[in-house]
Amino acid sequence: MLNIKKELLVFFCACLTGVNVRAGYEILIFLRKMIIHNNLVKGIEDLFYWIFMSAYIFSQIYATMYFLLGLVFGVAVIQKLIASGEKIHKKTRKNLEIIRKNR
């Protein structure tokens, strides 16, 4: 049986995995805004993203019942941070529009 320090470390790693999953998708969304894609390419990107993330999550799961809870918690934390940074996203969108217009 894992002691409490090890269990907390596993929970923390699970939280970081959730953050990585959400942050990875944010990067994908950002790249889609920088380079216009059609729906077929977006679908292929999503397929490869989720295959990669499934393998990544599977590799992170190991003998603990707290992993899934930590994963969800990590996703929720990064989602909250992203939502609170909506002003930054709006400025980024405006800058992307300016860049596209100047091409």
Protein backbone atom coordinates (compact mmCIF):
# COMPACT_ATOMS: atom_id res chain seq x y z
CA MET A 1 0.00 0.00 0.00
CA LEU A 2 1.25 3.44 -0.88
CA ASN A 3 1.94 5.83 1.94
CA ILE A 4 0.24 9.24 1.94
CA LYS A 5 3.22 11.10 0.43
CA LYS A 6 3.33 8.75 -2.53
CA GLU A 7 -0.44 8.97 -2.97
CA LEU A 8 -0.28 12.77 -2.95
CA LEU A 9 2.53 12.65 -5.50
CA VAL A 10 0.46 10.38 -7.73
CA PHE A 11 -2.52 12.73 -7.35
CA PHE A 12 -0.32 15.71 -8.26
CA CYS A 13 1.00 13.86 -11.32
CA ALA A 14 -2.58 13.10 -12.33
CA CYS A 15 -3.43 16.80 -12.01
CA LEU A 16 -0.48 17.68 -14.24
CA THR A 17 -1.66 15.13 -16.78
CA GLY A 18 -5.05 16.87 -16.86
CA VAL A 19 -3.33 20.20 -17.34
CA ASN A 20 -1.23 18.75 -20.17
CA VAL A 21 -4.29 17.32 -21.92
CA ARG A 22 -6.15 20.63 -21.84
CA ALA A 23 -3.08 22.74 -22.63
CA GLY A 24 -2.28 20.47 -25.58
CA TYR A 25 -5.73 21.06 -27.01
CA GLU A 26 -5.33 24.81 -26.49
CA ILE A 27 -2.14 24.65 -28.54
CA LEU A 28 -4.01 22.78 -31.26
CA ILE A 29 -6.73 25.44 -31.26
CA PHE A 30 -4.11 28.20 -31.44
CA LEU A 31 -2.42 26.53 -34.41
CA ARG A 32 -5.79 26.23 -36.14
CA LYS A 33 -6.28 29.97 -35.75
CA MET A 34 -2.83 30.68 -37.16
CA ILE A 35 -3.25 28.34 -40.15
CA ILE A 36 -6.72 28.03 -41.62
CA HIS A 37 -7.84 24.39 -41.99
CA ASN A 38 -10.76 22.70 -43.68
CA ASN A 39 -12.99 20.32 -41.73
CA LEU A 40 -11.28 17.18 -43.02
CA VAL A 41 -7.86 18.33 -41.79
CA LYS A 42 -9.38 19.38 -38.44
CA GLY A 43 -10.90 15.93 -38.09
CA ILE A 44 -7.58 14.24 -38.85
CA GLU A 45 -5.79 16.52 -36.38
CA ASP A 46 -8.36 15.69 -33.70
CA LEU A 47 -8.03 11.98 -34.40
CA PHE A 48 -4.25 12.06 -34.01
CA TYR A 49 -4.50 14.35 -30.96
CA TRP A 50 -6.86 11.98 -29.14
CA ILE A 51 -4.88 8.89 -30.13
CA PHE A 52 -1.73 10.53 -28.75
CA MET A 53 -3.51 11.74 -25.60
CA SER A 54 -5.10 8.34 -25.02
CA ALA A 55 -1.67 6.72 -25.15
CA TYR A 56 -0.27 9.47 -22.91
CA ILE A 57 -3.05 9.12 -20.32
CA PHE A 58 -2.82 5.34 -20.43
CA SER A 59 0.92 5.57 -19.79
CA GLN A 60 0.26 7.85 -16.79
CA ILE A 61 -2.27 5.53 -15.15
CA TYR A 62 -0.70 3.25 -12.58
CA ALA A 63 -2.05 1.47 -9.49
CA THR A 64 -4.00 4.26 -7.85
CA MET A 65 -7.65 5.09 -7.53
CA TYR A 66 -6.91 8.83 -7.29
CA PHE A 67 -5.60 9.18 -10.83
CA LEU A 68 -8.95 9.80 -12.51
CA LEU A 69 -9.98 12.30 -9.83
CA GLY A 70 -6.66 14.12 -10.21
CA LEU A 71 -7.00 14.11 -13.98
CA VAL A 72 -10.44 15.72 -13.82
CA PHE A 73 -9.21 18.19 -11.21
CA GLY A 74 -6.26 19.17 -13.41
CA VAL A 75 -8.53 19.72 -16.41
CA ALA A 76 -10.91 21.81 -14.26
CA VAL A 77 -8.08 23.97 -12.89
CA ILE A 78 -6.62 24.75 -16.31
CA GLN A 79 -10.11 25.39 -17.70
CA LYS A 80 -10.74 27.91 -14.92
CA LEU A 81 -7.41 29.61 -15.66
CA ILE A 82 -8.24 29.73 -19.36
CA ALA A 83 -11.71 31.14 -18.67
CA SER A 84 -10.28 33.81 -16.38
CA GLY A 85 -7.79 34.74 -19.07
CA GLU A 86 -10.49 35.42 -21.67
CA LYS A 87 -9.31 39.02 -22.05
CA ILE A 88 -5.93 37.74 -23.14
CA HIS A 89 -7.66 35.44 -25.64
CA LYS A 90 -9.63 38.37 -27.06
CA LYS A 91 -6.44 40.39 -27.52
CA THR A 92 -4.79 37.39 -29.17
CA ARG A 93 -7.74 37.00 -31.53
CA LYS A 94 -7.54 40.67 -32.49
CA ASN A 95 -3.80 40.34 -33.13
CA LEU A 96 -4.40 37.25 -35.27
CA GLU A 97 -7.00 39.13 -37.31
CA ILE A 98 -4.54 41.98 -37.86
CA ILE A 99 -1.85 39.50 -38.96
CA ARG A 100 -4.27 37.80 -41.39
CA LYS A 101 -5.35 41.12 -42.88
CA ASN A 102 -1.73 42.18 -43.41
CA ARG A 103 -0.81 39.01 -45.35
